[in-house]
Amino acid sequence: MSGGTHGIGRAICAHLLDLGAKVFTFARHPDHVEAGREGLPEATVGIGNQGDLDDLTRLVGEAEAALGGLDAVVVNAGIGGSSVNTMETAAWGEVMNVNLLGPMHLAALATPRIEAAGGGHVVFLGSMSAKTRSEGGDVYVASKLGLRGFADSYGRGVAGRGVSVCLIEPGLVRSEMTAEAHPEWERDVAEARMILADDVARTVAFVLAQPPRVCLPMVQVRPRMQLI
């Protein structure tokens, strides 16, 4: 799993560990890696950047060795972005690299290993911004809309190899990314205008628990009052 040391990713890792899964995750910042190793002692935590193909190649090999094989990969890591009109070209290029090209590379690297293990799941964490397409967020929206298209097409291509592909698109979630814009998050959660990372974690576990004959191509999980 990518990006599993904090936020939504950490909640997913913790929930899967509670269910008895063996988990390998990674993050690119050393402080996040250390926090993951301290907070998730039952998981194996590596360091690397989802936007770097060499890192991903190494990390997938490390995961396979640590876990004794791969039967699922959860692609969660991502970074925020605003608009091409307000960001430097290199910065919005990095958003596309981490949020879209990285997941594509990770899926391509993991799929043969999942197939060799007898089949399993590739789960992408997207965003409902691919649907809402808010003004001023065109770089982030483009990365998540591209991920939506890739997941759909890729899933059709690997279905015959015993691999089920699911895109989970959360709505507004309490996380580090949304903390500044939503300081009164407890009220928002109580009013069903925001969900928690644990809600996303349970959704991931539900998808991974489906039998091989079942594929959930896309799941949206949003606050009840986020009527979009």
C-alpha atoms as a PDB file:
ATOM      1  CA  MET A   1       0.000   0.000   0.000  1.00  0.00           C
ATOM      2  CA  SER A   2       1.273   3.453  -0.826  1.00  0.00           C
ATOM      3  CA  GLY A   3       0.939   6.414   1.520  1.00  0.00           C
ATOM      4  CA  GLY A   4      -0.079   4.363   4.542  1.00  0.00           C
ATOM      5  CA  THR A   5       1.734   6.176   7.344  1.00  0.00           C
ATOM      6  CA  HIS A   6      -0.659   9.066   7.978  1.00  0.00           C
ATOM      7  CA  GLY A   7      -4.170  10.284   7.257  1.00  0.00           C
ATOM      8  CA  ILE A   8      -6.516   8.070   5.285  1.00  0.00           C
ATOM      9  CA  GLY A   9      -3.724   5.639   4.433  1.00  0.00           C
ATOM     10  CA  ARG A  10      -2.831   5.074   8.062  1.00  0.00           C
ATOM     11  CA  ALA A  11      -6.480   4.386   8.898  1.00  0.00           C
ATOM     12  CA  ILE A  12      -6.633   1.833   6.081  1.00  0.00           C
ATOM     13  CA  CYS A  13      -3.459   0.084   7.247  1.00  0.00           C
ATOM     14  CA  ALA A  14      -4.628  -0.023  10.861  1.00  0.00           C
ATOM     15  CA  HIS A  15      -8.019  -1.442   9.884  1.00  0.00           C
ATOM     16  CA  LEU A  16      -6.513  -4.129   7.654  1.00  0.00           C
ATOM     17  CA  LEU A  17      -4.049  -5.109  10.367  1.00  0.00           C
ATOM     18  CA  ASP A  18      -6.933  -5.410  12.823  1.00  0.00           C
ATOM     19  CA  LEU A  19      -8.580  -7.804  10.372  1.00  0.00           C
ATOM     20  CA  GLY A  20      -5.475  -9.991  10.323  1.00  0.00           C
ATOM     21  CA  ALA A  21      -3.928  -8.856   7.029  1.00  0.00           C
ATOM     22  CA  LYS A  22      -0.184  -8.602   6.472  1.00  0.00           C
ATOM     23  CA  VAL A  23       0.639  -5.065   5.376  1.00  0.00           C
ATOM     24  CA  PHE A  24       3.554  -3.394   3.613  1.00  0.00           C
ATOM     25  CA  THR A  25       3.333   0.342   3.112  1.00  0.00           C
ATOM     26  CA  PHE A  26       5.619   3.213   2.237  1.00  0.00           C
ATOM     27  CA  ALA A  27       5.920   6.997   2.328  1.00  0.00           C
ATOM     28  CA  ARG A  28       8.401   9.423   0.855  1.00  0.00           C
ATOM     29  CA  HIS A  29       9.112  11.631   3.890  1.00  0.00           C
ATOM     30  CA  PRO A  30      11.451  10.162   6.533  1.00  0.00           C
ATOM     31  CA  ASP A  31       9.374  11.592   9.395  1.00  0.00           C
ATOM     32  CA  HIS A  32       6.250   9.907   8.019  1.00  0.00           C
ATOM     33  CA  VAL A  33       8.152   6.637   7.666  1.00  0.00           C
ATOM     34  CA  GLU A  34       9.324   6.843  11.268  1.00  0.00           C
ATOM     35  CA  ALA A  35       5.816   7.706  12.471  1.00  0.00           C
ATOM     36  CA  GLY A  36       4.470   4.725  10.547  1.00  0.00           C
ATOM     37  CA  ARG A  37       6.999   2.355  12.071  1.00  0.00           C
ATOM     38  CA  GLU A  38       6.137   3.582  15.562  1.00  0.00           C
ATOM     39  CA  GLY A  39       2.363   3.723  15.089  1.00  0.00           C
ATOM     40  CA  LEU A  40       1.961   0.598  12.962  1.00  0.00           C
ATOM     41  CA  PRO A  41       4.488  -1.817  14.494  1.00  0.00           C
ATOM     42  CA  GLU A  42       2.848  -4.856  12.872  1.00  0.00           C
ATOM     43  CA  ALA A  43       3.310  -3.398   9.375  1.00  0.00           C
ATOM     44  CA  THR A  44       6.481  -3.266   7.297  1.00  0.00           C
ATOM     45  CA  VAL A  45       7.199   0.338   6.335  1.00  0.00           C
ATOM     46  CA  GLY A  46       9.510   1.349   3.490  1.00  0.00           C
ATOM     47  CA  ILE A  47      10.590   4.685   2.082  1.00  0.00           C
ATOM     48  CA  GLY A  48      10.077   5.879  -1.471  1.00  0.00           C
ATOM     49  CA  ASN A  49       8.255   8.257  -3.777  1.00  0.00           C
ATOM     50  CA  GLN A  50       5.204   7.099  -5.721  1.00  0.00           C
ATOM     51  CA  GLY A  51       6.271   9.486  -8.454  1.00  0.00           C
ATOM     52  CA  ASP A  52       9.615   7.722  -8.957  1.00  0.00           C
ATOM     53  CA  LEU A  53       9.579   4.556 -11.075  1.00  0.00           C
ATOM     54  CA  ASP A  54      12.886   3.291  -9.669  1.00  0.00           C
ATOM     55  CA  ASP A  55      11.529   3.650  -6.138  1.00  0.00           C
ATOM     56  CA  LEU A  56       8.338   1.805  -7.063  1.00  0.00           C
ATOM     57  CA  THR A  57      10.222  -1.039  -8.703  1.00  0.00           C
ATOM     58  CA  ARG A  58      12.331  -1.480  -5.579  1.00  0.00           C
ATOM     59  CA  LEU A  59       9.367  -1.151  -3.205  1.00  0.00           C
ATOM     60  CA  VAL A  60       7.189  -3.707  -4.969  1.00  0.00           C
ATOM     61  CA  GLY A  61      10.064  -6.185  -4.723  1.00  0.00           C
ATOM     62  CA  GLU A  62      10.499  -5.384  -1.031  1.00  0.00           C
ATOM     63  CA  ALA A  63       6.774  -5.838  -0.428  1.00  0.00           C
ATOM     64  CA  GLU A  64       6.686  -9.197  -2.167  1.00  0.00           C
ATOM     65  CA  ALA A  65       9.658 -10.410  -0.133  1.00  0.00           C
ATOM     66  CA  ALA A  66       8.315  -9.105   3.184  1.00  0.00           C
ATOM     67  CA  LEU A  67       4.812 -10.492   2.696  1.00  0.00           C
ATOM     68  CA  GLY A  68       5.672 -13.716   0.919  1.00  0.00           C
ATOM     69  CA  GLY A  69       3.716 -12.638  -2.167  1.00  0.00           C
ATOM     70  CA  LEU A  70       1.149 -10.047  -3.177  1.00  0.00           C
ATOM     71  CA  ASP A  71      -2.581 -10.598  -3.442  1.00  0.00           C
ATOM     72  CA  ALA A  72      -3.628  -6.934  -3.316  1.00  0.00           C
ATOM     73  CA  VAL A  73      -2.265  -3.444  -3.754  1.00  0.00           C
ATOM     74  CA  VAL A  74      -3.951  -0.292  -2.466  1.00  0.00           C
ATOM     75  CA  VAL A  75      -2.768   2.851  -4.236  1.00  0.00           C
ATOM     76  CA  ASN A  76      -3.473   5.652  -1.794  1.00  0.00           C
ATOM     77  CA  ALA A  77      -0.601   8.156  -1.936  1.00  0.00           C
ATOM     78  CA  GLY A  78      -1.343  11.500  -3.524  1.00  0.00           C
ATOM     79  CA  ILE A  79      -0.638  15.212  -3.290  1.00  0.00           C
ATOM     80  CA  GLY A  80      -2.864  18.244  -3.644  1.00  0.00           C
ATOM     81  CA  GLY A  81      -2.832  20.869  -6.350  1.00  0.00           C
ATOM     82  CA  SER A  82      -4.632  23.986  -7.496  1.00  0.00           C
ATOM     83  CA  SER A  83      -4.563  25.494 -11.000  1.00  0.00           C
ATOM     84  CA  VAL A  84      -2.139  25.789 -13.904  1.00  0.00           C
ATOM     85  CA  ASN A  85      -2.745  29.546 -13.560  1.00  0.00           C
ATOM     86  CA  THR A  86      -1.374  29.652 -10.016  1.00  0.00           C
ATOM     87  CA  MET A  87       1.188  26.825  -9.897  1.00  0.00           C
ATOM     88  CA  GLU A  88       4.631  26.595 -11.431  1.00  0.00           C
ATOM     89  CA  THR A  89       4.807  24.135 -14.309  1.00  0.00           C
ATOM     90  CA  ALA A  90       7.147  21.825 -12.416  1.00  0.00           C
ATOM     91  CA  ALA A  91       4.764  21.773  -9.453  1.00  0.00           C
ATOM     92  CA  TRP A  92       1.673  20.792 -11.393  1.00  0.00           C
ATOM     93  CA  GLY A  93       3.753  18.314 -13.347  1.00  0.00           C
ATOM     94  CA  GLU A  94       4.667  16.686 -10.027  1.00  0.00           C
ATOM     95  CA  VAL A  95       0.974  16.412  -9.108  1.00  0.00           C
ATOM     96  CA  MET A  96       0.312  14.533 -12.335  1.00  0.00           C
ATOM     97  CA  ASN A  97       3.381  12.372 -11.799  1.00  0.00           C
ATOM     98  CA  VAL A  98       2.446  11.319  -8.246  1.00  0.00           C
ATOM     99  CA  ASN A  99      -1.341  11.170  -8.653  1.00  0.00           C
ATOM    100  CA  LEU A 100      -1.613   9.579 -12.097  1.00  0.00           C
ATOM    101  CA  LEU A 101       1.628   8.218 -13.554  1.00  0.00           C
ATOM    102  CA  GLY A 102       2.679   6.737 -10.211  1.00  0.00           C
ATOM    103  CA  PRO A 103      -0.525   4.714  -9.800  1.00  0.00           C
ATOM    104  CA  MET A 104      -0.211   3.528 -13.396  1.00  0.00           C
ATOM    105  CA  HIS A 105       3.345   2.323 -12.783  1.00  0.00           C
ATOM    106  CA  LEU A 106       2.435   0.724  -9.465  1.00  0.00           C
ATOM    107  CA  ALA A 107      -0.466  -1.180 -11.005  1.00  0.00           C
ATOM    108  CA  ALA A 108       1.698  -2.403 -13.863  1.00  0.00           C
ATOM    109  CA  LEU A 109       4.413  -3.582 -11.467  1.00  0.00           C
ATOM    110  CA  ALA A 110       2.048  -5.273  -9.013  1.00  0.00           C
ATOM    111  CA  THR A 111      -0.343  -6.998 -11.414  1.00  0.00           C
ATOM    112  CA  PRO A 112       1.984  -9.818 -12.563  1.00  0.00           C
ATOM    113  CA  ARG A 113       2.767 -10.616  -8.930  1.00  0.00           C
ATOM    114  CA  ILE A 114      -0.915 -10.638  -7.979  1.00  0.00           C
ATOM    115  CA  GLU A 115      -1.647 -12.896 -10.938  1.00  0.00           C
ATOM    116  CA  ALA A 116       1.171 -15.230  -9.889  1.00  0.00           C
ATOM    117  CA  ALA A 117      -0.309 -15.423  -6.386  1.00  0.00           C
ATOM    118  CA  GLY A 118      -3.594 -16.700  -7.795  1.00  0.00           C
ATOM    119  CA  GLY A 119      -5.369 -13.403  -8.304  1.00  0.00           C
ATOM    120  CA  GLY A 120      -6.513 -10.534  -6.150  1.00  0.00           C
ATOM    121  CA  HIS A 121      -7.223  -6.819  -6.138  1.00  0.00           C
ATOM    122  CA  VAL A 122      -5.852  -3.491  -7.277  1.00  0.00           C
ATOM    123  CA  VAL A 123      -7.589  -0.650  -5.429  1.00  0.00           C
ATOM    124  CA  PHE A 124      -7.075   3.002  -6.329  1.00  0.00           C
ATOM    125  CA  LEU A 125      -8.028   5.857  -4.013  1.00  0.00           C
ATOM    126  CA  GLY A 126      -9.341   8.651  -6.178  1.00  0.00           C
ATOM    127  CA  SER A 127     -11.519  11.632  -5.356  1.00  0.00           C
ATOM    128  CA  MET A 128     -15.030  12.824  -6.051  1.00  0.00           C
ATOM    129  CA  SER A 129     -13.376  15.983  -7.382  1.00  0.00           C
ATOM    130  CA  ALA A 130     -13.257  13.992 -10.619  1.00  0.00           C
ATOM    131  CA  LYS A 131     -17.018  14.567 -10.661  1.00  0.00           C
ATOM    132  CA  THR A 132     -17.409  17.950  -8.959  1.00  0.00           C
ATOM    133  CA  ARG A 133     -14.474  19.581 -10.834  1.00  0.00           C
ATOM    134  CA  SER A 134     -14.320  22.618  -8.579  1.00  0.00           C
ATOM    135  CA  GLU A 135     -13.036  25.896  -9.955  1.00  0.00           C
ATOM    136  CA  GLY A 136      -9.397  26.588  -9.205  1.00  0.00           C
ATOM    137  CA  GLY A 137      -8.477  22.959  -8.729  1.00  0.00           C
ATOM    138  CA  ASP A 138      -7.935  21.989 -12.352  1.00  0.00           C
ATOM    139  CA  VAL A 139      -4.534  20.343 -11.831  1.00  0.00           C
ATOM    140  CA  TYR A 140      -5.769  18.087  -9.028  1.00  0.00           C
ATOM    141  CA  VAL A 141      -9.022  17.417 -10.874  1.00  0.00           C
ATOM    142  CA  ALA A 142      -7.137  16.434 -14.027  1.00  0.00           C
ATOM    143  CA  SER A 143      -5.029  13.932 -12.089  1.00  0.00           C
ATOM    144  CA  LYS A 144      -8.064  12.327 -10.460  1.00  0.00           C
ATOM    145  CA  LEU A 145     -10.164  12.337 -13.608  1.00  0.00           C
ATOM    146  CA  GLY A 146      -7.283  10.681 -15.435  1.00  0.00           C
ATOM    147  CA  LEU A 147      -7.076   8.086 -12.674  1.00  0.00           C
ATOM    148  CA  ARG A 148     -10.788   7.375 -13.088  1.00  0.00           C
ATOM    149  CA  GLY A 149     -10.335   6.674 -16.788  1.00  0.00           C
ATOM    150  CA  PHE A 150      -7.224   4.587 -16.256  1.00  0.00           C
ATOM    151  CA  ALA A 151      -8.791   2.438 -13.540  1.00  0.00           C
ATOM    152  CA  ASP A 152     -11.830   1.698 -15.688  1.00  0.00           C
ATOM    153  CA  SER A 153      -9.851   0.770 -18.788  1.00  0.00           C
ATOM    154  CA  TYR A 154      -7.107  -1.081 -16.909  1.00  0.00           C
ATOM    155  CA  GLY A 155      -9.645  -3.106 -14.990  1.00  0.00           C
ATOM    156  CA  ARG A 156     -11.201  -4.345 -18.207  1.00  0.00           C
ATOM    157  CA  GLY A 157      -7.788  -5.352 -19.476  1.00  0.00           C
ATOM    158  CA  VAL A 158      -6.680  -7.430 -16.486  1.00  0.00           C
ATOM    159  CA  ALA A 159     -10.012  -9.032 -15.542  1.00  0.00           C
ATOM    160  CA  GLY A 160      -9.073 -12.171 -17.450  1.00  0.00           C
ATOM    161  CA  ARG A 161      -5.903 -12.466 -15.379  1.00  0.00           C
ATOM    162  CA  GLY A 162      -7.788 -12.875 -12.113  1.00  0.00           C
ATOM    163  CA  VAL A 163      -7.262  -9.273 -11.020  1.00  0.00           C
ATOM    164  CA  SER A 164     -10.202  -7.131  -9.885  1.00  0.00           C
ATOM    165  CA  VAL A 165      -9.668  -3.370 -10.145  1.00  0.00           C
ATOM    166  CA  CYS A 166     -11.653  -0.905  -8.051  1.00  0.00           C
ATOM    167  CA  LEU A 167     -11.566   2.872  -7.872  1.00  0.00           C
ATOM    168  CA  ILE A 168     -12.789   4.277  -4.554  1.00  0.00           C
ATOM    169  CA  GLU A 169     -13.718   7.942  -4.722  1.00  0.00           C
ATOM    170  CA  PRO A 170     -14.168   9.523  -1.278  1.00  0.00           C
ATOM    171  CA  GLY A 171     -16.048  12.740  -0.779  1.00  0.00           C
ATOM    172  CA  LEU A 172     -15.037  15.246   1.889  1.00  0.00           C
ATOM    173  CA  VAL A 173     -12.866  13.422   4.447  1.00  0.00           C
ATOM    174  CA  ARG A 174     -11.326  14.717   7.652  1.00  0.00           C
ATOM    175  CA  SER A 175      -7.577  14.601   6.957  1.00  0.00           C
ATOM    176  CA  GLU A 176      -4.433  16.716   6.949  1.00  0.00           C
ATOM    177  CA  MET A 177      -5.315  17.874   3.440  1.00  0.00           C
ATOM    178  CA  THR A 178      -8.705  19.278   4.512  1.00  0.00           C
ATOM    179  CA  ALA A 179      -7.862  20.434   8.049  1.00  0.00           C
ATOM    180  CA  GLU A 180      -7.099  24.076   7.217  1.00  0.00           C
ATOM    181  CA  ALA A 181     -10.235  24.601   5.143  1.00  0.00           C
ATOM    182  CA  HIS A 182     -12.492  22.846   7.672  1.00  0.00           C
ATOM    183  CA  PRO A 183     -11.408  23.808  11.200  1.00  0.00           C
ATOM    184  CA  GLU A 184     -14.853  22.961  12.643  1.00  0.00           C
ATOM    185  CA  TRP A 185     -14.646  19.400  11.422  1.00  0.00           C
ATOM    186  CA  GLU A 186     -16.358  17.890  14.459  1.00  0.00           C
ATOM    187  CA  ARG A 187     -19.501  19.856  13.661  1.00  0.00           C
ATOM    188  CA  ASP A 188     -19.206  18.909   9.985  1.00  0.00           C
ATOM    189  CA  VAL A 189     -18.955  15.223  10.879  1.00  0.00           C
ATOM    190  CA  ALA A 190     -21.894  15.466  13.294  1.00  0.00           C
ATOM    191  CA  GLU A 191     -23.997  17.101  10.557  1.00  0.00           C
ATOM    192  CA  ALA A 192     -22.992  14.421   8.006  1.00  0.00           C
ATOM    193  CA  ARG A 193     -21.126  16.976   5.893  1.00  0.00           C
ATOM    194  CA  MET A 194     -17.774  15.245   6.326  1.00  0.00           C
ATOM    195  CA  ILE A 195     -16.702  11.628   6.841  1.00  0.00           C
ATOM    196  CA  LEU A 196     -13.763  10.164   8.716  1.00  0.00           C
ATOM    197  CA  ALA A 197     -10.732   8.269   7.478  1.00  0.00           C
ATOM    198  CA  ASP A 198     -12.065   5.169   9.228  1.00  0.00           C
ATOM    199  CA  ASP A 199     -15.112   5.277   6.954  1.00  0.00           C
ATOM    200  CA  VAL A 200     -12.847   5.053   3.925  1.00  0.00           C
ATOM    201  CA  ALA A 201     -10.850   2.267   5.580  1.00  0.00           C
ATOM    202  CA  ARG A 202     -13.981   0.164   6.035  1.00  0.00           C
ATOM    203  CA  THR A 203     -14.833   0.701   2.383  1.00  0.00           C
ATOM    204  CA  VAL A 204     -11.409  -0.546   1.298  1.00  0.00           C
ATOM    205  CA  ALA A 205     -11.776  -3.628   3.506  1.00  0.00           C
ATOM    206  CA  PHE A 206     -15.208  -4.323   2.005  1.00  0.00           C
ATOM    207  CA  VAL A 207     -13.796  -4.210  -1.522  1.00  0.00           C
ATOM    208  CA  LEU A 208     -10.882  -6.493  -0.630  1.00  0.00           C
ATOM    209  CA  ALA A 209     -13.251  -8.989   0.998  1.00  0.00           C
ATOM    210  CA  GLN A 210     -15.170  -9.639  -2.222  1.00  0.00           C
ATOM    211  CA  PRO A 211     -14.834 -13.157  -3.667  1.00  0.00           C
ATOM    212  CA  PRO A 212     -12.890 -13.643  -6.920  1.00  0.00           C
ATOM    213  CA  ARG A 213     -16.071 -13.757  -9.003  1.00  0.00           C
ATOM    214  CA  VAL A 214     -17.013 -10.219  -7.890  1.00  0.00           C
ATOM    215  CA  CYS A 215     -15.608  -6.913  -9.132  1.00  0.00           C
ATOM    216  CA  LEU A 216     -16.674  -3.506  -7.841  1.00  0.00           C
ATOM    217  CA  PRO A 217     -15.333  -1.210 -10.576  1.00  0.00           C
ATOM    218  CA  MET A 218     -16.051   2.020  -8.692  1.00  0.00           C
ATOM    219  CA  VAL A 219     -17.314   2.919  -5.228  1.00  0.00           C
ATOM    220  CA  GLN A 220     -18.131   6.429  -4.058  1.00  0.00           C
ATOM    221  CA  VAL A 221     -18.226   7.066  -0.319  1.00  0.00           C
ATOM    222  CA  ARG A 222     -19.315  10.532   0.728  1.00  0.00           C
ATOM    223  CA  PRO A 223     -21.020  12.389   3.579  1.00  0.00           C
ATOM    224  CA  ARG A 224     -24.772  11.951   3.480  1.00  0.00           C
ATOM    225  CA  MET A 225     -25.261  15.690   3.021  1.00  0.00           C
ATOM    226  CA  GLN A 226     -22.688  16.057   0.240  1.00  0.00           C
ATOM    227  CA  LEU A 227     -25.393  15.897  -2.389  1.00  0.00           C
ATOM    228  CA  ILE A 228     -23.450  15.775  -5.644  1.00  0.00           C
END
